[in-house]
């Protein structure tokens, strides 16, 4: 038996489920005959192979809504520590910390550097800053 479609997979899972129900009703897998146990094992391997062949779609990540979220995302994306991000943006660590905690808004120079060095859309910076 080869699993090529979702429909084939559903048929396979129905057969597996029948074996599992019989085992559950009988008090465990010992309720299955040797042939049934072997068949359940073979079907389970087929199901696993089919499931492994399906590409995993990443979960959608909501877009950042605040400047802090955007900067934190960029730090994660570029694998930067706050110190490294401060160097990249040519600001002091204290200044970046103030921006990240919401104590200060970025000035025009910092906004330009965020746009040029991090690729953050200028309109977005203006809208969420």
N, C-alpha and C. Protein backbone atom coordinates (compact mmCIF):
# COMPACT_ATOMS: atom_id res chain seq x y z
N UNK A 1 0.85 -1.18 0.00
CA UNK A 1 0.00 0.00 0.00
C UNK A 1 0.89 1.24 0.00
N UNK A 2 0.60 2.16 -0.90
CA UNK A 2 1.37 3.40 -0.99
C UNK A 2 0.43 4.57 -0.75
N UNK A 3 0.87 5.52 0.04
CA UNK A 3 0.05 6.68 0.38
C UNK A 3 0.49 7.83 -0.52
N UNK A 4 -0.41 8.24 -1.43
CA UNK A 4 -0.07 9.31 -2.36
C UNK A 4 -0.92 10.55 -2.15
N UNK A 5 -2.11 10.36 -1.59
CA UNK A 5 -3.04 11.49 -1.45
C UNK A 5 -3.56 11.56 -0.02
N UNK A 6 -4.18 12.66 0.28
CA UNK A 6 -4.81 12.84 1.59
C UNK A 6 -5.92 11.80 1.78
N UNK A 7 -6.61 11.46 0.70
CA UNK A 7 -7.68 10.45 0.79
C UNK A 7 -7.08 9.08 1.14
N UNK A 8 -5.96 8.71 0.52
CA UNK A 8 -5.28 7.46 0.87
C UNK A 8 -4.91 7.46 2.36
N UNK A 9 -4.43 8.60 2.81
CA UNK A 9 -4.02 8.73 4.21
C UNK A 9 -5.22 8.54 5.14
N UNK A 10 -6.36 9.13 4.79
CA UNK A 10 -7.54 9.00 5.63
C UNK A 10 -8.01 7.54 5.71
N UNK A 11 -7.94 6.82 4.59
CA UNK A 11 -8.29 5.39 4.58
C UNK A 11 -7.34 4.63 5.50
N UNK A 12 -6.07 4.94 5.40
CA UNK A 12 -5.07 4.30 6.25
C UNK A 12 -5.34 4.57 7.73
N UNK A 13 -5.66 5.81 8.04
CA UNK A 13 -5.91 6.17 9.44
C UNK A 13 -7.16 5.48 9.96
N UNK A 14 -8.16 5.26 9.12
CA UNK A 14 -9.36 4.53 9.52
C UNK A 14 -9.01 3.10 9.89
N UNK A 15 -8.13 2.49 9.09
CA UNK A 15 -7.69 1.12 9.40
C UNK A 15 -6.90 1.07 10.71
N UNK A 16 -6.04 2.03 10.90
CA UNK A 16 -5.26 2.11 12.15
C UNK A 16 -6.20 2.28 13.34
N UNK A 17 -7.18 3.17 13.19
CA UNK A 17 -8.13 3.44 14.26
C UNK A 17 -8.91 2.18 14.65
N UNK A 18 -9.26 1.37 13.67
CA UNK A 18 -9.98 0.12 13.97
C UNK A 18 -9.13 -0.80 14.85
N UNK A 19 -7.84 -0.92 14.53
CA UNK A 19 -6.95 -1.73 15.36
C UNK A 19 -6.82 -1.15 16.78
N UNK A 20 -6.72 0.17 16.86
CA UNK A 20 -6.57 0.82 18.17
C UNK A 20 -7.83 0.65 19.01
N UNK A 21 -8.99 0.72 18.39
CA UNK A 21 -10.25 0.52 19.13
C UNK A 21 -10.34 -0.92 19.64
N UNK A 22 -9.95 -1.88 18.81
CA UNK A 22 -9.97 -3.28 19.24
C UNK A 22 -9.02 -3.49 20.41
N UNK A 23 -7.84 -2.87 20.34
CA UNK A 23 -6.87 -3.01 21.43
C UNK A 23 -7.41 -2.36 22.71
N UNK A 24 -8.03 -1.20 22.57
CA UNK A 24 -8.58 -0.50 23.74
C UNK A 24 -9.70 -1.32 24.37
N UNK A 25 -10.60 -1.83 23.55
CA UNK A 25 -11.73 -2.63 24.06
C UNK A 25 -11.25 -3.92 24.72
N UNK A 26 -10.16 -4.46 24.22
CA UNK A 26 -9.64 -5.72 24.75
C UNK A 26 -8.67 -5.57 25.90
N UNK A 27 -8.42 -4.35 26.33
CA UNK A 27 -7.54 -4.14 27.48
C UNK A 27 -6.08 -3.94 27.14
N UNK A 28 -5.76 -3.75 25.88
CA UNK A 28 -4.37 -3.48 25.50
C UNK A 28 -4.01 -4.15 24.20
N UNK A 29 -2.78 -3.95 23.78
CA UNK A 29 -2.34 -4.49 22.49
C UNK A 29 -2.26 -6.01 22.49
N UNK A 30 -2.27 -6.60 23.65
CA UNK A 30 -2.26 -8.06 23.69
C UNK A 30 -3.58 -8.64 23.16
N UNK A 31 -4.61 -7.80 23.04
CA UNK A 31 -5.89 -8.24 22.49
C UNK A 31 -5.80 -8.45 20.98
N UNK A 32 -4.74 -7.92 20.36
CA UNK A 32 -4.56 -8.10 18.91
C UNK A 32 -3.78 -9.38 18.65
N UNK A 33 -4.11 -10.02 17.57
CA UNK A 33 -3.34 -11.20 17.18
C UNK A 33 -1.97 -10.74 16.69
N UNK A 34 -1.05 -11.67 16.54
CA UNK A 34 0.29 -11.34 16.04
C UNK A 34 0.19 -10.68 14.67
N UNK A 35 -0.67 -11.22 13.80
CA UNK A 35 -0.83 -10.66 12.45
C UNK A 35 -1.40 -9.24 12.52
N UNK A 36 -2.37 -9.02 13.41
CA UNK A 36 -2.96 -7.68 13.55
C UNK A 36 -1.93 -6.69 14.10
N UNK A 37 -1.15 -7.13 15.05
CA UNK A 37 -0.10 -6.27 15.60
C UNK A 37 0.93 -5.90 14.55
N UNK A 38 1.31 -6.89 13.74
CA UNK A 38 2.27 -6.64 12.66
C UNK A 38 1.68 -5.67 11.64
N UNK A 39 0.41 -5.86 11.31
CA UNK A 39 -0.26 -4.98 10.34
C UNK A 39 -0.37 -3.56 10.89
N UNK A 40 -0.71 -3.44 12.17
CA UNK A 40 -0.79 -2.11 12.79
C UNK A 40 0.57 -1.42 12.73
N UNK A 41 1.61 -2.16 13.00
CA UNK A 41 2.97 -1.60 12.95
C UNK A 41 3.30 -1.13 11.53
N UNK A 42 3.01 -1.97 10.53
CA UNK A 42 3.29 -1.62 9.13
C UNK A 42 2.49 -0.39 8.71
N UNK A 43 1.21 -0.33 9.08
CA UNK A 43 0.37 0.82 8.72
C UNK A 43 0.86 2.08 9.42
N UNK A 44 1.30 1.95 10.65
CA UNK A 44 1.81 3.10 11.39
C UNK A 44 3.06 3.67 10.73
N UNK A 45 3.93 2.80 10.24
CA UNK A 45 5.13 3.25 9.53
C UNK A 45 4.77 3.97 8.23
N UNK A 46 3.76 3.46 7.53
CA UNK A 46 3.30 4.12 6.30
C UNK A 46 2.74 5.51 6.62
N UNK A 47 1.95 5.59 7.68
CA UNK A 47 1.37 6.87 8.08
C UNK A 47 2.47 7.85 8.45
N UNK A 48 3.44 7.38 9.19
CA UNK A 48 4.55 8.24 9.61
C UNK A 48 5.35 8.74 8.41
N UNK A 49 5.59 7.87 7.45
CA UNK A 49 6.34 8.27 6.25
C UNK A 49 5.56 9.33 5.47
N UNK A 50 4.26 9.14 5.36
CA UNK A 50 3.45 10.14 4.65
C UNK A 50 3.46 11.47 5.39
N UNK A 51 3.29 11.43 6.71
CA UNK A 51 3.28 12.66 7.51
C UNK A 51 4.61 13.39 7.41
N UNK A 52 5.71 12.63 7.41
CA UNK A 52 7.03 13.25 7.29
C UNK A 52 7.27 13.87 5.92
N UNK A 53 6.52 13.42 4.91
CA UNK A 53 6.71 13.95 3.56
C UNK A 53 5.98 15.27 3.33
N UNK A 54 5.09 15.62 4.24
CA UNK A 54 4.31 16.85 4.10
C UNK A 54 5.16 18.02 4.58
N UNK A 55 5.35 19.04 3.73
CA UNK A 55 6.16 20.18 4.16
C UNK A 55 5.49 20.91 5.33
N UNK A 56 6.30 21.32 6.27
CA UNK A 56 5.78 22.04 7.43
C UNK A 56 5.68 23.51 7.07
N UNK A 57 4.50 24.04 7.27
CA UNK A 57 4.28 25.46 7.02
C UNK A 57 4.53 26.21 8.33
N UNK A 58 5.36 27.22 8.30
CA UNK A 58 5.61 27.96 9.54
C UNK A 58 4.34 28.68 9.98
N UNK A 59 4.20 28.82 11.28
CA UNK A 59 3.06 29.55 11.80
C UNK A 59 3.20 31.01 11.42
N UNK A 60 2.10 31.63 11.07
CA UNK A 60 2.19 33.04 10.73
C UNK A 60 2.55 33.87 11.95
N UNK A 61 3.45 34.78 11.76
CA UNK A 61 3.87 35.66 12.84
C UNK A 61 3.23 37.01 12.60
N UNK A 62 2.49 37.51 13.58
CA UNK A 62 1.86 38.81 13.37
C UNK A 62 2.92 39.89 13.19
N UNK A 63 2.65 40.85 12.32
CA UNK A 63 3.65 41.90 12.11
C UNK A 63 3.80 42.75 13.38
N UNK A 64 5.01 43.22 13.64
CA UNK A 64 5.22 44.07 14.81
C UNK A 64 4.39 45.34 14.70
N UNK A 65 3.83 45.78 15.83
CA UNK A 65 2.95 46.94 15.80
C UNK A 65 3.58 48.20 16.37
N UNK A 66 4.62 48.03 17.18
CA UNK A 66 5.26 49.19 17.77
C UNK A 66 6.72 49.24 17.32
N UNK A 67 7.33 50.39 17.48
CA UNK A 67 8.73 50.53 17.12
C UNK A 67 9.60 49.60 17.97
N UNK A 68 9.25 49.46 19.23
CA UNK A 68 9.99 48.55 20.11
C UNK A 68 9.90 47.13 19.56
N UNK A 69 8.69 46.71 19.17
CA UNK A 69 8.53 45.37 18.60
C UNK A 69 9.37 45.20 17.34
N UNK A 70 9.38 46.22 16.51
CA UNK A 70 10.16 46.16 15.26
C UNK A 70 11.64 46.03 15.57
N UNK A 71 12.14 46.85 16.49
CA UNK A 71 13.55 46.80 16.84
C UNK A 71 13.92 45.45 17.47
N UNK A 72 13.06 44.95 18.34
CA UNK A 72 13.34 43.64 18.96
C UNK A 72 13.33 42.54 17.91
N UNK A 73 12.41 42.63 16.95
CA UNK A 73 12.37 41.65 15.87
C UNK A 73 13.65 41.72 15.05
N UNK A 74 14.09 42.92 14.73
CA UNK A 74 15.33 43.08 13.96
C UNK A 74 16.53 42.53 14.73
N UNK A 75 16.55 42.73 16.04
CA UNK A 75 17.63 42.19 16.86
C UNK A 75 17.61 40.66 16.79
N UNK A 76 16.42 40.09 16.89
CA UNK A 76 16.28 38.63 16.80
C UNK A 76 16.69 38.14 15.41
N UNK A 77 16.18 38.81 14.39
CA UNK A 77 16.44 38.41 13.01
C UNK A 77 17.93 38.43 12.68
N UNK A 78 18.62 39.46 13.16
CA UNK A 78 20.04 39.61 12.88
C UNK A 78 20.92 39.00 13.97
N UNK A 79 20.28 38.41 14.97
CA UNK A 79 20.98 37.78 16.10
C UNK A 79 21.93 38.76 16.79
N UNK A 80 21.39 39.93 17.08
CA UNK A 80 22.17 40.98 17.72
C UNK A 80 21.76 41.14 19.18
N UNK A 81 22.72 41.41 20.01
CA UNK A 81 22.43 41.80 21.39
C UNK A 81 22.18 43.30 21.37
N UNK A 82 21.61 43.79 22.44
CA UNK A 82 21.30 45.22 22.51
C UNK A 82 22.55 46.06 22.29
N UNK A 83 23.66 45.62 22.82
CA UNK A 83 24.94 46.33 22.66
C UNK A 83 25.32 46.41 21.17
N UNK A 84 25.16 45.27 20.47
CA UNK A 84 25.49 45.23 19.05
C UNK A 84 24.57 46.12 18.23
N UNK A 85 23.28 46.12 18.60
CA UNK A 85 22.31 46.96 17.90
C UNK A 85 22.66 48.44 18.11
N UNK A 86 23.07 48.79 19.31
CA UNK A 86 23.45 50.18 19.59
C UNK A 86 24.63 50.59 18.71
N UNK A 87 25.62 49.70 18.60
CA UNK A 87 26.77 50.00 17.73
C UNK A 87 26.35 50.15 16.28
N UNK A 88 25.49 49.25 15.82
CA UNK A 88 25.02 49.30 14.43
C UNK A 88 24.29 50.61 14.14
N UNK A 89 23.51 51.07 15.12
CA UNK A 89 22.76 52.31 14.93
C UNK A 89 23.55 53.55 15.33
N UNK A 90 24.77 53.32 15.82
CA UNK A 90 25.65 54.42 16.22
C UNK A 90 25.01 55.31 17.29
N UNK A 91 24.46 54.64 18.32
CA UNK A 91 23.91 55.34 19.48
C UNK A 91 24.47 54.67 20.72
N UNK A 92 24.36 55.35 21.84
CA UNK A 92 24.83 54.74 23.09
C UNK A 92 23.85 53.64 23.50
N UNK A 93 24.37 52.71 24.28
CA UNK A 93 23.51 51.63 24.78
C UNK A 93 22.39 52.21 25.63
N UNK A 94 22.70 53.26 26.38
CA UNK A 94 21.69 53.89 27.23
C UNK A 94 20.57 54.50 26.39
N UNK A 95 20.96 55.16 25.30
CA UNK A 95 19.96 55.78 24.41
C UNK A 95 19.06 54.70 23.79
N UNK A 96 19.66 53.63 23.31
CA UNK A 96 18.87 52.55 22.73
C UNK A 96 17.97 51.92 23.79
N UNK A 97 18.49 51.76 24.98
CA UNK A 97 17.70 51.20 26.07
C UNK A 97 16.48 52.09 26.35
N UNK A 98 16.68 53.39 26.35
CA UNK A 98 15.57 54.32 26.57
C UNK A 98 14.52 54.19 25.48
N UNK A 99 14.96 54.01 24.25
CA UNK A 99 14.01 53.84 23.14
C UNK A 99 13.27 52.51 23.30
N UNK A 100 14.01 51.45 23.64
CA UNK A 100 13.39 50.13 23.78
C UNK A 100 12.43 50.03 24.96
N UNK A 101 12.64 50.83 25.99
CA UNK A 101 11.73 50.81 27.14
C UNK A 101 10.62 51.84 27.00
N UNK A 102 10.67 52.64 25.94
CA UNK A 102 9.62 53.63 25.72
C UNK A 102 9.83 54.93 26.47
N UNK A 103 11.00 55.10 27.11
CA UNK A 103 11.27 56.33 27.85
C UNK A 103 11.55 57.50 26.92
N UNK A 104 12.11 57.19 25.73
CA UNK A 104 12.42 58.25 24.76
C UNK A 104 11.98 57.81 23.37
N UNK A 105 11.63 58.76 22.58
CA UNK A 105 11.32 58.53 21.18
C UNK A 105 12.60 58.72 20.38
N UNK A 106 12.72 58.05 19.26
CA UNK A 106 13.92 58.26 18.44
C UNK A 106 13.90 59.64 17.80
N UNK A 107 15.08 60.26 17.74
CA UNK A 107 15.16 61.54 17.05
C UNK A 107 15.27 61.26 15.54
N UNK A 108 15.31 62.31 14.74
CA UNK A 108 15.33 62.16 13.29
C UNK A 108 16.57 61.41 12.81
N UNK A 109 17.74 61.69 13.41
CA UNK A 109 18.96 60.99 13.02
C UNK A 109 18.85 59.49 13.26
N UNK A 110 18.35 59.11 14.43
CA UNK A 110 18.20 57.69 14.75
C UNK A 110 17.17 57.04 13.82
N UNK A 111 16.10 57.75 13.54
CA UNK A 111 15.08 57.22 12.63
C UNK A 111 15.69 56.95 11.25
N UNK A 112 16.53 57.87 10.78
CA UNK A 112 17.20 57.67 9.48
C UNK A 112 18.10 56.44 9.51
N UNK A 113 18.86 56.29 10.60
CA UNK A 113 19.76 55.13 10.69
C UNK A 113 18.98 53.82 10.77
N UNK A 114 17.83 53.85 11.45
CA UNK A 114 16.99 52.64 11.51
C UNK A 114 16.52 52.27 10.11
N UNK A 115 16.18 53.28 9.35
CA UNK A 115 15.73 53.05 7.97
C UNK A 115 16.88 52.53 7.10
N UNK A 116 18.01 53.20 7.15
CA UNK A 116 19.13 52.85 6.27
C UNK A 116 19.85 51.57 6.69
N UNK A 117 20.05 51.38 7.98
CA UNK A 117 20.87 50.25 8.44
C UNK A 117 20.07 48.99 8.77
N UNK A 118 18.79 49.17 9.08
CA UNK A 118 17.97 48.01 9.42
C UNK A 118 16.92 47.69 8.37
N UNK A 119 16.75 48.62 7.43
CA UNK A 119 15.77 48.39 6.37
C UNK A 119 14.33 48.56 6.83
N UNK A 120 14.14 49.29 7.91
CA UNK A 120 12.78 49.53 8.39
C UNK A 120 12.17 50.64 7.53
N UNK A 121 10.98 50.39 7.04
CA UNK A 121 10.30 51.35 6.18
C UNK A 121 10.15 52.69 6.91
N UNK A 122 10.53 53.77 6.24
CA UNK A 122 10.50 55.10 6.86
C UNK A 122 9.08 55.48 7.29
N UNK A 123 8.11 55.16 6.46
CA UNK A 123 6.72 55.49 6.80
C UNK A 123 6.30 54.75 8.08
N UNK A 124 6.73 53.53 8.20
CA UNK A 124 6.42 52.74 9.41
C UNK A 124 7.05 53.39 10.63
N UNK A 125 8.29 53.81 10.51
CA UNK A 125 8.97 54.46 11.64
C UNK A 125 8.19 55.69 12.07
N UNK A 126 7.78 56.51 11.11
CA UNK A 126 7.04 57.72 11.42
C UNK A 126 5.67 57.40 12.04
N UNK A 127 5.04 56.35 11.54
CA UNK A 127 3.69 56.01 12.01
C UNK A 127 3.72 55.44 13.43
N UNK A 128 4.70 54.61 13.77
CA UNK A 128 4.67 53.93 15.06
C UNK A 128 5.59 54.55 16.11
N UNK A 129 6.42 55.50 15.71
CA UNK A 129 7.37 56.10 16.68
C UNK A 129 6.67 57.04 17.64
